[in-house]
Amino acid sequence: MDDYKEIYGDTVYSDILDSITDNGKKQIKSGSDTIIFDALDNYFEPFDLKDKYYYEENQVPLDYESIINLFDQLQGSRILD
């Protein structure tokens, strides 16, 4: 987050939230602030696949084992080195 603060100033986080919420007129989606904070802190947290993607009747040709392995590898990693 220090890099963003250097470029955009100390209010970068509140500026982003003000932009997303139209200066407080709208609610921010639950968890969105955490995602923003993680990104600003150079921390990657992949999204979980929704349960509907795991159902076999969808017949979606996804290699779930590879997806889960990739999720595990990326969780908590740095976005930029």
PDB file of N, CA and C in Angstrom:
ATOM      1  N   MET A   1       0.823  -1.186   0.000  1.00  0.00           N
ATOM      2  CA  MET A   1       0.000   0.000   0.000  1.00  0.00           C
ATOM      3  C   MET A   1       0.866   1.248   0.000  1.00  0.00           C
ATOM      4  N   ASP A   2       2.094   1.126   0.465  1.00  0.00           N
ATOM      5  CA  ASP A   2       2.984   2.282   0.500  1.00  0.00           C
ATOM      6  C   ASP A   2       3.215   2.857  -0.893  1.00  0.00           C
ATOM      7  N   ASP A   3       3.348   1.988  -1.909  1.00  0.00           N
ATOM      8  CA  ASP A   3       3.553   2.471  -3.271  1.00  0.00           C
ATOM      9  C   ASP A   3       2.357   3.288  -3.745  1.00  0.00           C
ATOM     10  N   TYR A   4       1.150   2.803  -3.440  1.00  0.00           N
ATOM     11  CA  TYR A   4      -0.046   3.542  -3.828  1.00  0.00           C
ATOM     12  C   TYR A   4      -0.113   4.874  -3.085  1.00  0.00           C
ATOM     13  N   LYS A   5       0.274   4.864  -1.812  1.00  0.00           N
ATOM     14  CA  LYS A   5       0.272   6.108  -1.044  1.00  0.00           C
ATOM     15  C   LYS A   5       1.262   7.114  -1.620  1.00  0.00           C
ATOM     16  N   GLU A   6       2.410   6.620  -2.086  1.00  0.00           N
ATOM     17  CA  GLU A   6       3.393   7.522  -2.679  1.00  0.00           C
ATOM     18  C   GLU A   6       2.843   8.176  -3.943  1.00  0.00           C
ATOM     19  N   ILE A   7       2.118   7.402  -4.727  1.00  0.00           N
ATOM     20  CA  ILE A   7       1.586   7.919  -5.994  1.00  0.00           C
ATOM     21  C   ILE A   7       0.325   8.748  -5.777  1.00  0.00           C
ATOM     22  N   TYR A   8      -0.611   8.229  -4.969  1.00  0.00           N
ATOM     23  CA  TYR A   8      -1.930   8.843  -4.849  1.00  0.00           C
ATOM     24  C   TYR A   8      -2.170   9.581  -3.534  1.00  0.00           C
ATOM     25  N   GLY A   9      -1.231   9.505  -2.606  1.00  0.00           N
ATOM     26  CA  GLY A   9      -1.394  10.199  -1.332  1.00  0.00           C
ATOM     27  C   GLY A   9      -1.965   9.296  -0.250  1.00  0.00           C
ATOM     28  N   ASP A  10      -1.990   9.818   0.963  1.00  0.00           N
ATOM     29  CA  ASP A  10      -2.407   9.041   2.130  1.00  0.00           C
ATOM     30  C   ASP A  10      -3.881   8.662   2.121  1.00  0.00           C
ATOM     31  N   THR A  11      -4.677   9.324   1.317  1.00  0.00           N
ATOM     32  CA  THR A  11      -6.121   9.070   1.327  1.00  0.00           C
ATOM     33  C   THR A  11      -6.551   8.086   0.242  1.00  0.00           C
ATOM     34  N   VAL A  12      -5.609   7.350  -0.339  1.00  0.00           N
ATOM     35  CA  VAL A  12      -5.934   6.479  -1.473  1.00  0.00           C
ATOM     36  C   VAL A  12      -7.045   5.487  -1.141  1.00  0.00           C
ATOM     37  N   TYR A  13      -7.009   4.875   0.030  1.00  0.00           N
ATOM     38  CA  TYR A  13      -8.029   3.875   0.370  1.00  0.00           C
ATOM     39  C   TYR A  13      -9.399   4.528   0.497  1.00  0.00           C
ATOM     40  N   SER A  14      -9.493   5.627   1.211  1.00  0.00           N
ATOM     41  CA  SER A  14     -10.793   6.296   1.362  1.00  0.00           C
ATOM     42  C   SER A  14     -11.268   6.866   0.027  1.00  0.00           C
ATOM     43  N   ASP A  15     -10.343   7.312  -0.818  1.00  0.00           N
ATOM     44  CA  ASP A  15     -10.717   7.805  -2.146  1.00  0.00           C
ATOM     45  C   ASP A  15     -11.335   6.690  -2.996  1.00  0.00           C
ATOM     46  N   ILE A  16     -10.759   5.502  -2.918  1.00  0.00           N
ATOM     47  CA  ILE A  16     -11.300   4.361  -3.660  1.00  0.00           C
ATOM     48  C   ILE A  16     -12.691   4.009  -3.144  1.00  0.00           C
ATOM     49  N   LEU A  17     -12.848   3.941  -1.833  1.00  0.00           N
ATOM     50  CA  LEU A  17     -14.160   3.622  -1.262  1.00  0.00           C
ATOM     51  C   LEU A  17     -15.187   4.694  -1.609  1.00  0.00           C
ATOM     52  N   ASP A  18     -14.786   5.965  -1.556  1.00  0.00           N
ATOM     53  CA  ASP A  18     -15.708   7.046  -1.939  1.00  0.00           C
ATOM     54  C   ASP A  18     -16.153   6.885  -3.382  1.00  0.00           C
ATOM     55  N   SER A  19     -15.225   6.494  -4.238  1.00  0.00           N
ATOM     56  CA  SER A  19     -15.552   6.304  -5.653  1.00  0.00           C
ATOM     57  C   SER A  19     -16.526   5.146  -5.846  1.00  0.00           C
ATOM     58  N   ILE A  20     -16.271   4.036  -5.182  1.00  0.00           N
ATOM     59  CA  ILE A  20     -17.126   2.850  -5.322  1.00  0.00           C
ATOM     60  C   ILE A  20     -18.527   3.100  -4.753  1.00  0.00           C
ATOM     61  N   THR A  21     -18.602   3.844  -3.661  1.00  0.00           N
ATOM     62  CA  THR A  21     -19.885   4.063  -2.986  1.00  0.00           C
ATOM     63  C   THR A  21     -20.562   5.363  -3.400  1.00  0.00           C
ATOM     64  N   ASP A  22     -20.016   6.030  -4.415  1.00  0.00           N
ATOM     65  CA  ASP A  22     -20.559   7.325  -4.856  1.00  0.00           C
ATOM     66  C   ASP A  22     -20.642   8.274  -3.668  1.00  0.00           C
ATOM     67  N   ASN A  23     -19.494   8.430  -3.013  1.00  0.00           N
ATOM     68  CA  ASN A  23     -19.358   9.291  -1.827  1.00  0.00           C
ATOM     69  C   ASN A  23     -20.320   8.925  -0.713  1.00  0.00           C
ATOM     70  N   GLY A  24     -20.473   7.619  -0.489  1.00  0.00           N
ATOM     71  CA  GLY A  24     -21.278   7.132   0.621  1.00  0.00           C
ATOM     72  C   GLY A  24     -22.761   6.979   0.314  1.00  0.00           C
ATOM     73  N   LYS A  25     -23.172   7.250  -0.910  1.00  0.00           N
ATOM     74  CA  LYS A  25     -24.587   7.140  -1.263  1.00  0.00           C
ATOM     75  C   LYS A  25     -25.017   5.688  -1.470  1.00  0.00           C
ATOM     76  N   LYS A  26     -24.073   4.821  -1.792  1.00  0.00           N
ATOM     77  CA  LYS A  26     -24.369   3.406  -2.039  1.00  0.00           C
ATOM     78  C   LYS A  26     -23.614   2.553  -1.026  1.00  0.00           C
ATOM     79  N   GLN A  27     -24.127   1.367  -0.807  1.00  0.00           N
ATOM     80  CA  GLN A  27     -23.448   0.405   0.064  1.00  0.00           C
ATOM     81  C   GLN A  27     -22.376  -0.324  -0.737  1.00  0.00           C
ATOM     82  N   ILE A  28     -21.280  -0.627  -0.088  1.00  0.00           N
ATOM     83  CA  ILE A  28     -20.252  -1.443  -0.723  1.00  0.00           C
ATOM     84  C   ILE A  28     -20.612  -2.903  -0.472  1.00  0.00           C
ATOM     85  N   LYS A  29     -20.391  -3.745  -1.456  1.00  0.00           N
ATOM     86  CA  LYS A  29     -20.690  -5.166  -1.310  1.00  0.00           C
ATOM     87  C   LYS A  29     -19.860  -5.748  -0.165  1.00  0.00           C
ATOM     88  N   SER A  30     -20.461  -6.655   0.560  1.00  0.00           N
ATOM     89  CA  SER A  30     -19.777  -7.303   1.672  1.00  0.00           C
ATOM     90  C   SER A  30     -18.487  -7.965   1.192  1.00  0.00           C
ATOM     91  N   GLY A  31     -17.408  -7.654   1.843  1.00  0.00           N
ATOM     92  CA  GLY A  31     -16.118  -8.252   1.519  1.00  0.00           C
ATOM     93  C   GLY A  31     -15.324  -7.490   0.477  1.00  0.00           C
ATOM     94  N   SER A  32     -15.955  -6.566  -0.232  1.00  0.00           N
ATOM     95  CA  SER A  32     -15.240  -5.816  -1.272  1.00  0.00           C
ATOM     96  C   SER A  32     -14.121  -4.969  -0.698  1.00  0.00           C
ATOM     97  N   ASP A  33     -14.353  -4.407   0.485  1.00  0.00           N
ATOM     98  CA  ASP A  33     -13.307  -3.593   1.086  1.00  0.00           C
ATOM     99  C   ASP A  33     -12.086  -4.441   1.438  1.00  0.00           C
ATOM    100  N   THR A  34     -12.309  -5.685   1.829  1.00  0.00           N
ATOM    101  CA  THR A  34     -11.195  -6.592   2.126  1.00  0.00           C
ATOM    102  C   THR A  34     -10.400  -6.891   0.863  1.00  0.00           C
ATOM    103  N   ILE A  35     -11.104  -7.126  -0.236  1.00  0.00           N
ATOM    104  CA  ILE A  35     -10.434  -7.402  -1.513  1.00  0.00           C
ATOM    105  C   ILE A  35      -9.591  -6.205  -1.933  1.00  0.00           C
ATOM    106  N   ILE A  36     -10.143  -5.017  -1.795  1.00  0.00           N
ATOM    107  CA  ILE A  36      -9.409  -3.799  -2.158  1.00  0.00           C
ATOM    108  C   ILE A  36      -8.188  -3.637  -1.276  1.00  0.00           C
ATOM    109  N   PHE A  37      -8.383  -3.814   0.017  1.00  0.00           N
ATOM    110  CA  PHE A  37      -7.266  -3.674   0.960  1.00  0.00           C
ATOM    111  C   PHE A  37      -6.168  -4.696   0.662  1.00  0.00           C
ATOM    112  N   ASP A  38      -6.560  -5.937   0.383  1.00  0.00           N
ATOM    113  CA  ASP A  38      -5.571  -6.970   0.047  1.00  0.00           C
ATOM    114  C   ASP A  38      -4.781  -6.584  -1.194  1.00  0.00           C
ATOM    115  N   ALA A  39      -5.473  -6.105  -2.216  1.00  0.00           N
ATOM    116  CA  ALA A  39      -4.794  -5.702  -3.455  1.00  0.00           C
ATOM    117  C   ALA A  39      -3.839  -4.545  -3.194  1.00  0.00           C
ATOM    118  N   LEU A  40      -4.272  -3.583  -2.420  1.00  0.00           N
ATOM    119  CA  LEU A  40      -3.405  -2.447  -2.108  1.00  0.00           C
ATOM    120  C   LEU A  40      -2.190  -2.880  -1.296  1.00  0.00           C
ATOM    121  N   ASP A  41      -2.357  -3.941  -0.519  1.00  0.00           N
ATOM    122  CA  ASP A  41      -1.241  -4.477   0.278  1.00  0.00           C
ATOM    123  C   ASP A  41      -0.441  -5.528  -0.479  1.00  0.00           C
ATOM    124  N   ASN A  42      -0.724  -5.695  -1.794  1.00  0.00           N
ATOM    125  CA  ASN A  42       0.007  -6.628  -2.643  1.00  0.00           C
ATOM    126  C   ASN A  42      -0.207  -8.081  -2.207  1.00  0.00           C
ATOM    127  N   TYR A  43      -1.418  -8.392  -1.805  1.00  0.00           N
ATOM    128  CA  TYR A  43      -1.759  -9.720  -1.294  1.00  0.00           C
ATOM    129  C   TYR A  43      -2.880 -10.300  -2.148  1.00  0.00           C
ATOM    130  N   PHE A  44      -2.655 -11.476  -2.714  1.00  0.00           N
ATOM    131  CA  PHE A  44      -3.642 -12.106  -3.586  1.00  0.00           C
ATOM    132  C   PHE A  44      -4.464 -13.132  -2.837  1.00  0.00           C
ATOM    133  N   GLU A  45      -5.755 -12.993  -2.932  1.00  0.00           N
ATOM    134  CA  GLU A  45      -6.681 -13.951  -2.336  1.00  0.00           C
ATOM    135  C   GLU A  45      -7.659 -14.384  -3.426  1.00  0.00           C
ATOM    136  N   PRO A  46      -7.465 -15.572  -4.023  1.00  0.00           N
ATOM    137  CA  PRO A  46      -8.351 -15.991  -5.112  1.00  0.00           C
ATOM    138  C   PRO A  46      -9.774 -16.239  -4.622  1.00  0.00           C
ATOM    139  N   PHE A  47     -10.717 -16.062  -5.528  1.00  0.00           N
ATOM    140  CA  PHE A  47     -12.113 -16.323  -5.205  1.00  0.00           C
ATOM    141  C   PHE A  47     -12.364 -17.819  -5.183  1.00  0.00           C
ATOM    142  N   ASP A  48     -13.248 -18.236  -4.284  1.00  0.00           N
ATOM    143  CA  ASP A  48     -13.690 -19.633  -4.282  1.00  0.00           C
ATOM    144  C   ASP A  48     -14.628 -19.852  -5.454  1.00  0.00           C
ATOM    145  N   LEU A  49     -14.578 -21.042  -6.007  1.00  0.00           N
ATOM    146  CA  LEU A  49     -15.574 -21.409  -7.012  1.00  0.00           C
ATOM    147  C   LEU A  49     -16.910 -21.606  -6.318  1.00  0.00           C
ATOM    148  N   LYS A  50     -17.950 -21.146  -6.944  1.00  0.00           N
ATOM    149  CA  LYS A  50     -19.284 -21.325  -6.372  1.00  0.00           C
ATOM    150  C   LYS A  50     -19.664 -22.801  -6.461  1.00  0.00           C
ATOM    151  N   ASP A  51     -20.479 -23.214  -5.516  1.00  0.00           N
ATOM    152  CA  ASP A  51     -20.906 -24.615  -5.466  1.00  0.00           C
ATOM    153  C   ASP A  51     -21.534 -25.092  -6.762  1.00  0.00           C
ATOM    154  N   LYS A  52     -22.218 -24.212  -7.477  1.00  0.00           N
ATOM    155  CA  LYS A  52     -22.902 -24.647  -8.697  1.00  0.00           C
ATOM    156  C   LYS A  52     -21.926 -25.183  -9.735  1.00  0.00           C
ATOM    157  N   TYR A  53     -20.671 -24.801  -9.653  1.00  0.00           N
ATOM    158  CA  TYR A  53     -19.686 -25.280 -10.619  1.00  0.00           C
ATOM    159  C   TYR A  53     -19.206 -26.701 -10.306  1.00  0.00           C
ATOM    160  N   TYR A  54     -19.510 -27.179  -9.122  1.00  0.00           N
ATOM    161  CA  TYR A  54     -19.063 -28.515  -8.723  1.00  0.00           C
ATOM    162  C   TYR A  54     -20.066 -29.610  -9.079  1.00  0.00           C
ATOM    163  N   TYR A  55     -21.258 -29.237  -9.448  1.00  0.00           N
ATOM    164  CA  TYR A  55     -22.280 -30.232  -9.730  1.00  0.00           C
ATOM    165  C   TYR A  55     -22.037 -30.902 -11.071  1.00  0.00           C
ATOM    166  N   GLU A  56     -22.031 -32.209 -11.054  1.00  0.00           N
ATOM    167  CA  GLU A  56     -21.749 -32.977 -12.270  1.00  0.00           C
ATOM    168  C   GLU A  56     -22.831 -32.811 -13.342  1.00  0.00           C
ATOM    169  N   GLU A  57     -24.057 -32.531 -12.924  1.00  0.00           N
ATOM    170  CA  GLU A  57     -25.123 -32.418 -13.922  1.00  0.00           C
ATOM    171  C   GLU A  57     -24.940 -31.206 -14.838  1.00  0.00           C
ATOM    172  N   ASN A  58     -24.078 -30.265 -14.440  1.00  0.00           N
ATOM    173  CA  ASN A  58     -23.793 -29.125 -15.311  1.00  0.00           C
ATOM    174  C   ASN A  58     -22.950 -29.539 -16.507  1.00  0.00           C
ATOM    175  N   GLN A  59     -22.273 -30.655 -16.389  1.00  0.00           N
ATOM    176  CA  GLN A  59     -21.432 -31.192 -17.455  1.00  0.00           C
ATOM    177  C   GLN A  59     -20.435 -30.162 -17.979  1.00  0.00           C
ATOM    178  N   VAL A  60     -19.884 -29.399 -17.047  1.00  0.00           N
ATOM    179  CA  VAL A  60     -18.867 -28.411 -17.414  1.00  0.00           C
ATOM    180  C   VAL A  60     -17.516 -29.109 -17.365  1.00  0.00           C
ATOM    181  N   PRO A  61     -16.773 -29.083 -18.472  1.00  0.00           N
ATOM    182  CA  PRO A  61     -15.491 -29.812 -18.513  1.00  0.00           C
ATOM    183  C   PRO A  61     -14.368 -29.072 -17.784  1.00  0.00           C
ATOM    184  N   LEU A  62     -14.456 -29.036 -16.456  1.00  0.00           N
ATOM    185  CA  LEU A  62     -13.424 -28.379 -15.656  1.00  0.00           C
ATOM    186  C   LEU A  62     -12.621 -29.421 -14.885  1.00  0.00           C
ATOM    187  N   ASP A  63     -11.333 -29.213 -14.843  1.00  0.00           N
ATOM    188  CA  ASP A  63     -10.452 -30.087 -14.071  1.00  0.00           C
ATOM    189  C   ASP A  63     -10.369 -29.508 -12.657  1.00  0.00           C
ATOM    190  N   TYR A  64     -11.302 -29.944 -11.807  1.00  0.00           N
ATOM    191  CA  TYR A  64     -11.416 -29.376 -10.471  1.00  0.00           C
ATOM    192  C   TYR A  64     -10.158 -29.562  -9.643  1.00  0.00           C
ATOM    193  N   GLU A  65      -9.493 -30.678  -9.793  1.00  0.00           N
ATOM    194  CA  GLU A  65      -8.272 -30.931  -9.018  1.00  0.00           C
ATOM    195  C   GLU A  65      -7.205 -29.889  -9.355  1.00  0.00           C
ATOM    196  N   SER A  66      -7.050 -29.598 -10.636  1.00  0.00           N
ATOM    197  CA  SER A  66      -6.072 -28.581 -11.051  1.00  0.00           C
ATOM    198  C   SER A  66      -6.473 -27.196 -10.544  1.00  0.00           C
ATOM    199  N   ILE A  67      -7.746 -26.897 -10.587  1.00  0.00           N
ATOM    200  CA  ILE A  67      -8.227 -25.598 -10.117  1.00  0.00           C
ATOM    201  C   ILE A  67      -7.978 -25.450  -8.623  1.00  0.00           C
ATOM    202  N   ILE A  68      -8.272 -26.478  -7.867  1.00  0.00           N
ATOM    203  CA  ILE A  68      -8.069 -26.437  -6.416  1.00  0.00           C
ATOM    204  C   ILE A  68      -6.580 -26.342  -6.092  1.00  0.00           C
ATOM    205  N   ASN A  69      -5.734 -27.086  -6.816  1.00  0.00           N
ATOM    206  CA  ASN A  69      -4.285 -27.000  -6.607  1.00  0.00           C
ATOM    207  C   ASN A  69      -3.769 -25.597  -6.907  1.00  0.00           C
ATOM    208  N   LEU A  70      -4.248 -25.002  -7.985  1.00  0.00           N
ATOM    209  CA  LEU A  70      -3.842 -23.650  -8.346  1.00  0.00           C
ATOM    210  C   LEU A  70      -4.314 -22.654  -7.293  1.00  0.00           C
ATOM    211  N   PHE A  71      -5.531 -22.818  -6.830  1.00  0.00           N
ATOM    212  CA  PHE A  71      -6.072 -21.973  -5.764  1.00  0.00           C
ATOM    213  C   PHE A  71      -5.159 -22.035  -4.542  1.00  0.00           C
ATOM    214  N   ASP A  72      -4.799 -23.257  -4.136  1.00  0.00           N
ATOM    215  CA  ASP A  72      -3.940 -23.434  -2.961  1.00  0.00           C
ATOM    216  C   ASP A  72      -2.562 -22.797  -3.154  1.00  0.00           C
ATOM    217  N   GLN A  73      -2.020 -22.899  -4.364  1.00  0.00           N
ATOM    218  CA  GLN A  73      -0.705 -22.325  -4.647  1.00  0.00           C
ATOM    219  C   GLN A  73      -0.732 -20.796  -4.607  1.00  0.00           C
ATOM    220  N   LEU A  74      -1.808 -20.222  -5.085  1.00  0.00           N
ATOM    221  CA  LEU A  74      -1.881 -18.758  -5.208  1.00  0.00           C
ATOM    222  C   LEU A  74      -2.351 -18.057  -3.941  1.00  0.00           C
ATOM    223  N   GLN A  75      -3.072 -18.746  -3.110  1.00  0.00           N
ATOM    224  CA  GLN A  75      -3.641 -18.118  -1.923  1.00  0.00           C
ATOM    225  C   GLN A  75      -2.549 -17.516  -1.047  1.00  0.00           C
ATOM    226  N   GLY A  76      -2.691 -16.240  -0.783  1.00  0.00           N
ATOM    227  CA  GLY A  76      -1.729 -15.548   0.071  1.00  0.00           C
ATOM    228  C   GLY A  76      -0.466 -15.110  -0.621  1.00  0.00           C
ATOM    229  N   SER A  77      -0.371 -15.344  -1.919  1.00  0.00           N
ATOM    230  CA  SER A  77       0.856 -14.952  -2.624  1.00  0.00           C
ATOM    231  C   SER A  77       0.852 -13.444  -2.879  1.00  0.00           C
ATOM    232  N   ARG A  78       2.036 -12.950  -3.219  1.00  0.00           N
ATOM    233  CA  ARG A  78       2.159 -11.537  -3.535  1.00  0.00           C
ATOM    234  C   ARG A  78       1.758 -11.311  -4.987  1.00  0.00           C
ATOM    235  N   ILE A  79       1.106 -10.202  -5.255  1.00  0.00           N
ATOM    236  CA  ILE A  79       0.685  -9.877  -6.613  1.00  0.00           C
ATOM    237  C   ILE A  79       1.908  -9.515  -7.444  1.00  0.00           C
ATOM    238  N   LEU A  80       2.754  -8.673  -6.902  1.00  0.00           N
ATOM    239  CA  LEU A  80       3.986  -8.260  -7.566  1.00  0.00           C
ATOM    240  C   LEU A  80       5.162  -8.538  -6.653  1.00  0.00           C
ATOM    241  N   ASP A  81       6.260  -8.981  -7.215  1.00  0.00           N
ATOM    242  CA  ASP A  81       7.472  -9.205  -6.413  1.00  0.00           C
ATOM    243  C   ASP A  81       8.336  -7.967  -6.423  1.00  0.00           C
TER     244      ASP A  81
END
